Amino acid sequence: MILDPVVLLTFVPQFIDPTRAVLPQFLFFGAVMALGGLIVNGLVGQFAGQLRGYLKAGSLSEKITRWVSATVFGALAARLALKA
């Protein structure tokens, strides 16, 4: 999404100074946005990798997660069945 040309052309121009060279400014702000996206996506990947260890198959946390998910979906199904 960050490297989407529509996003760049929508948000970056408001930070461009038209009295100076436009292309270097676009390249700089585009690089800043790409770097920000890389950092955020990298942190999400690291967090997901660490979380995987806690949720590995057969662990107590996996059983609790399954129980909570089943309870929530069961309650939603019951609500939907009773509402109709």
N, C-alpha and C. Protein backbone atom coordinates (compact mmCIF):
# COMPACT_ATOMS: atom_id res chain seq x y z
N MET A 1 0.81 -1.19 0.00
CA MET A 1 0.00 0.00 0.00
C MET A 1 0.86 1.26 0.00
N ILE A 2 1.94 1.24 0.76
CA ILE A 2 2.79 2.42 0.86
C ILE A 2 3.42 2.75 -0.50
N LEU A 3 3.75 1.75 -1.28
CA LEU A 3 4.38 2.01 -2.57
C LEU A 3 3.35 2.19 -3.69
N ASP A 4 2.09 2.21 -3.34
CA ASP A 4 1.03 2.41 -4.31
C ASP A 4 1.15 3.82 -4.90
N PRO A 5 1.23 3.97 -6.20
CA PRO A 5 1.38 5.29 -6.81
C PRO A 5 0.24 6.25 -6.46
N VAL A 6 -0.96 5.71 -6.28
CA VAL A 6 -2.09 6.58 -5.93
C VAL A 6 -1.86 7.21 -4.57
N VAL A 7 -1.34 6.43 -3.62
CA VAL A 7 -1.07 6.95 -2.28
C VAL A 7 0.01 8.03 -2.36
N LEU A 8 1.07 7.74 -3.11
CA LEU A 8 2.14 8.72 -3.24
C LEU A 8 1.65 10.01 -3.89
N LEU A 9 0.86 9.88 -4.95
CA LEU A 9 0.38 11.06 -5.65
C LEU A 9 -0.71 11.81 -4.88
N THR A 10 -1.31 11.15 -3.90
CA THR A 10 -2.35 11.79 -3.10
C THR A 10 -1.79 12.54 -1.91
N PHE A 11 -0.86 11.91 -1.19
CA PHE A 11 -0.40 12.47 0.07
C PHE A 11 0.90 13.27 -0.01
N VAL A 12 1.78 12.88 -0.90
CA VAL A 12 3.09 13.55 -0.95
C VAL A 12 3.02 14.98 -1.48
N PRO A 13 2.20 15.32 -2.49
CA PRO A 13 2.24 16.69 -3.03
C PRO A 13 1.99 17.79 -2.01
N GLN A 14 1.28 17.52 -0.95
CA GLN A 14 1.04 18.58 0.03
C GLN A 14 2.31 18.97 0.78
N PHE A 15 3.35 18.13 0.71
CA PHE A 15 4.61 18.45 1.37
C PHE A 15 5.67 18.98 0.40
N ILE A 16 5.33 19.08 -0.87
CA ILE A 16 6.27 19.53 -1.89
C ILE A 16 6.26 21.06 -1.98
N ASP A 17 7.45 21.63 -2.02
CA ASP A 17 7.60 23.07 -2.19
C ASP A 17 7.75 23.35 -3.69
N PRO A 18 6.77 23.99 -4.33
CA PRO A 18 6.82 24.19 -5.78
C PRO A 18 7.91 25.15 -6.24
N THR A 19 8.50 25.91 -5.33
CA THR A 19 9.56 26.84 -5.73
C THR A 19 10.90 26.13 -5.88
N ARG A 20 11.01 24.91 -5.40
CA ARG A 20 12.25 24.14 -5.54
C ARG A 20 12.03 23.01 -6.53
N ALA A 21 13.10 22.29 -6.87
CA ALA A 21 13.00 21.17 -7.81
C ALA A 21 12.04 20.11 -7.24
N VAL A 22 11.07 19.70 -8.05
CA VAL A 22 10.00 18.82 -7.58
C VAL A 22 10.43 17.36 -7.52
N LEU A 23 11.13 16.87 -8.53
CA LEU A 23 11.48 15.45 -8.59
C LEU A 23 12.30 14.99 -7.39
N PRO A 24 13.36 15.71 -6.99
CA PRO A 24 14.11 15.25 -5.81
C PRO A 24 13.25 15.21 -4.54
N GLN A 25 12.33 16.14 -4.42
CA GLN A 25 11.44 16.14 -3.26
C GLN A 25 10.51 14.93 -3.28
N PHE A 26 9.96 14.62 -4.46
CA PHE A 26 9.10 13.44 -4.58
C PHE A 26 9.89 12.17 -4.24
N LEU A 27 11.10 12.07 -4.76
CA LEU A 27 11.91 10.89 -4.49
C LEU A 27 12.24 10.77 -3.01
N PHE A 28 12.55 11.89 -2.37
CA PHE A 28 12.88 11.86 -0.94
C PHE A 28 11.67 11.42 -0.12
N PHE A 29 10.51 12.05 -0.34
CA PHE A 29 9.34 11.70 0.45
C PHE A 29 8.84 10.28 0.14
N GLY A 30 8.99 9.87 -1.10
CA GLY A 30 8.65 8.48 -1.45
C GLY A 30 9.55 7.49 -0.73
N ALA A 31 10.85 7.81 -0.66
CA ALA A 31 11.79 6.94 0.05
C ALA A 31 11.48 6.90 1.55
N VAL A 32 11.11 8.03 2.12
CA VAL A 32 10.74 8.07 3.54
C VAL A 32 9.51 7.19 3.79
N MET A 33 8.52 7.28 2.91
CA MET A 33 7.32 6.46 3.07
C MET A 33 7.64 4.97 2.91
N ALA A 34 8.50 4.64 1.96
CA ALA A 34 8.88 3.25 1.75
C ALA A 34 9.66 2.72 2.95
N LEU A 35 10.55 3.53 3.49
CA LEU A 35 11.30 3.11 4.67
C LEU A 35 10.38 2.91 5.87
N GLY A 36 9.42 3.80 6.04
CA GLY A 36 8.45 3.64 7.12
C GLY A 36 7.65 2.36 6.97
N GLY A 37 7.23 2.05 5.77
CA GLY A 37 6.50 0.81 5.52
C GLY A 37 7.35 -0.42 5.78
N LEU A 38 8.62 -0.35 5.39
CA LEU A 38 9.53 -1.46 5.62
C LEU A 38 9.71 -1.71 7.12
N ILE A 39 9.86 -0.65 7.88
CA ILE A 39 10.05 -0.78 9.33
C ILE A 39 8.79 -1.36 9.98
N VAL A 40 7.63 -0.83 9.63
CA VAL A 40 6.38 -1.31 10.23
C VAL A 40 6.15 -2.77 9.87
N ASN A 41 6.30 -3.13 8.61
CA ASN A 41 6.07 -4.51 8.19
C ASN A 41 7.10 -5.45 8.81
N GLY A 42 8.33 -4.98 8.95
CA GLY A 42 9.35 -5.80 9.61
C GLY A 42 9.02 -6.06 11.07
N LEU A 43 8.53 -5.03 11.77
CA LEU A 43 8.14 -5.20 13.17
C LEU A 43 6.95 -6.14 13.31
N VAL A 44 6.00 -6.05 12.39
CA VAL A 44 4.85 -6.96 12.42
C VAL A 44 5.32 -8.40 12.21
N GLY A 45 6.25 -8.60 11.30
CA GLY A 45 6.79 -9.93 11.06
C GLY A 45 7.53 -10.48 12.27
N GLN A 46 8.32 -9.64 12.92
CA GLN A 46 9.04 -10.07 14.12
C GLN A 46 8.07 -10.44 15.23
N PHE A 47 7.06 -9.61 15.43
CA PHE A 47 6.07 -9.88 16.46
C PHE A 47 5.33 -11.17 16.18
N ALA A 48 4.93 -11.39 14.93
CA ALA A 48 4.22 -12.61 14.56
C ALA A 48 5.10 -13.84 14.77
N GLY A 49 6.38 -13.71 14.47
CA GLY A 49 7.29 -14.83 14.69
C GLY A 49 7.44 -15.18 16.16
N GLN A 50 7.49 -14.17 17.01
CA GLN A 50 7.58 -14.42 18.45
C GLN A 50 6.27 -14.98 18.99
N LEU A 51 5.16 -14.49 18.48
CA LEU A 51 3.86 -14.94 18.93
C LEU A 51 3.63 -16.40 18.55
N ARG A 52 4.21 -16.82 17.46
CA ARG A 52 4.06 -18.20 17.00
C ARG A 52 4.56 -19.19 18.04
N GLY A 53 5.65 -18.83 18.73
CA GLY A 53 6.18 -19.71 19.76
C GLY A 53 5.22 -19.91 20.91
N TYR A 54 4.45 -18.86 21.23
CA TYR A 54 3.48 -18.97 22.32
C TYR A 54 2.24 -19.76 21.92
N LEU A 55 1.92 -19.74 20.64
CA LEU A 55 0.70 -20.38 20.17
C LEU A 55 0.95 -21.71 19.45
N LYS A 56 2.09 -22.33 19.71
CA LYS A 56 2.38 -23.58 19.00
C LYS A 56 1.37 -24.65 19.37
N ALA A 57 1.22 -25.62 18.49
CA ALA A 57 0.20 -26.66 18.64
C ALA A 57 0.41 -27.44 19.94
N GLY A 58 -0.69 -27.68 20.62
CA GLY A 58 -0.66 -28.49 21.83
C GLY A 58 -0.38 -27.72 23.11
N SER A 59 -0.07 -26.46 23.01
CA SER A 59 0.23 -25.70 24.22
C SER A 59 -1.06 -25.24 24.89
N LEU A 60 -0.95 -24.82 26.13
CA LEU A 60 -2.11 -24.33 26.87
C LEU A 60 -2.71 -23.10 26.20
N SER A 61 -1.86 -22.21 25.71
CA SER A 61 -2.37 -21.00 25.07
C SER A 61 -3.16 -21.33 23.81
N GLU A 62 -2.75 -22.38 23.09
CA GLU A 62 -3.49 -22.77 21.89
C GLU A 62 -4.86 -23.31 22.28
N LYS A 63 -4.92 -24.08 23.35
CA LYS A 63 -6.21 -24.62 23.79
C LYS A 63 -7.13 -23.50 24.26
N ILE A 64 -6.58 -22.53 24.98
CA ILE A 64 -7.40 -21.40 25.44
C ILE A 64 -7.90 -20.59 24.25
N THR A 65 -7.02 -20.36 23.28
CA THR A 65 -7.41 -19.60 22.08
C THR A 65 -8.53 -20.31 21.33
N ARG A 66 -8.41 -21.61 21.18
CA ARG A 66 -9.46 -22.39 20.50
C ARG A 66 -10.77 -22.33 21.27
N TRP A 67 -10.71 -22.44 22.59
CA TRP A 67 -11.91 -22.41 23.41
C TRP A 67 -12.59 -21.05 23.31
N VAL A 68 -11.80 -19.97 23.42
CA VAL A 68 -12.37 -18.63 23.34
C VAL A 68 -12.98 -18.39 21.96
N SER A 69 -12.28 -18.80 20.90
CA SER A 69 -12.80 -18.62 19.54
C SER A 69 -14.10 -19.40 19.35
N ALA A 70 -14.14 -20.64 19.82
CA ALA A 70 -15.35 -21.45 19.70
C ALA A 70 -16.50 -20.82 20.47
N THR A 71 -16.22 -20.29 21.64
CA THR A 71 -17.26 -19.65 22.45
C THR A 71 -17.81 -18.40 21.75
N VAL A 72 -16.91 -17.58 21.23
CA VAL A 72 -17.35 -16.35 20.55
C VAL A 72 -18.18 -16.69 19.31
N PHE A 73 -17.68 -17.61 18.48
CA PHE A 73 -18.42 -17.96 17.27
C PHE A 73 -19.73 -18.67 17.60
N GLY A 74 -19.75 -19.49 18.64
CA GLY A 74 -21.00 -20.13 19.08
C GLY A 74 -22.02 -19.10 19.54
N ALA A 75 -21.55 -18.11 20.31
CA ALA A 75 -22.46 -17.06 20.78
C ALA A 75 -23.00 -16.25 19.61
N LEU A 76 -22.13 -15.94 18.65
CA LEU A 76 -22.60 -15.21 17.46
C LEU A 76 -23.61 -16.02 16.66
N ALA A 77 -23.37 -17.33 16.54
CA ALA A 77 -24.30 -18.19 15.81
C ALA A 77 -25.63 -18.26 16.54
N ALA A 78 -25.61 -18.38 17.87
CA ALA A 78 -26.84 -18.43 18.64
C ALA A 78 -27.62 -17.11 18.52
N ARG A 79 -26.90 -16.02 18.58
CA ARG A 79 -27.57 -14.72 18.43
C ARG A 79 -28.22 -14.58 17.06
N LEU A 80 -27.50 -15.01 16.03
CA LEU A 80 -28.04 -14.94 14.69
C LEU A 80 -29.25 -15.85 14.53
N ALA A 81 -29.19 -17.05 15.11
CA ALA A 81 -30.30 -18.00 15.01
C ALA A 81 -31.54 -17.50 15.77
N LEU A 82 -31.32 -16.88 16.91
CA LEU A 82 -32.45 -16.41 17.71
C LEU A 82 -33.05 -15.11 17.18
N LYS A 83 -32.23 -14.33 16.50
CA LYS A 83 -32.69 -13.05 15.98
C LYS A 83 -33.55 -13.24 14.71
N ALA A 84 -33.28 -14.28 13.96
CA ALA A 84 -33.98 -14.46 12.68
C ALA A 84 -35.37 -15.02 12.85
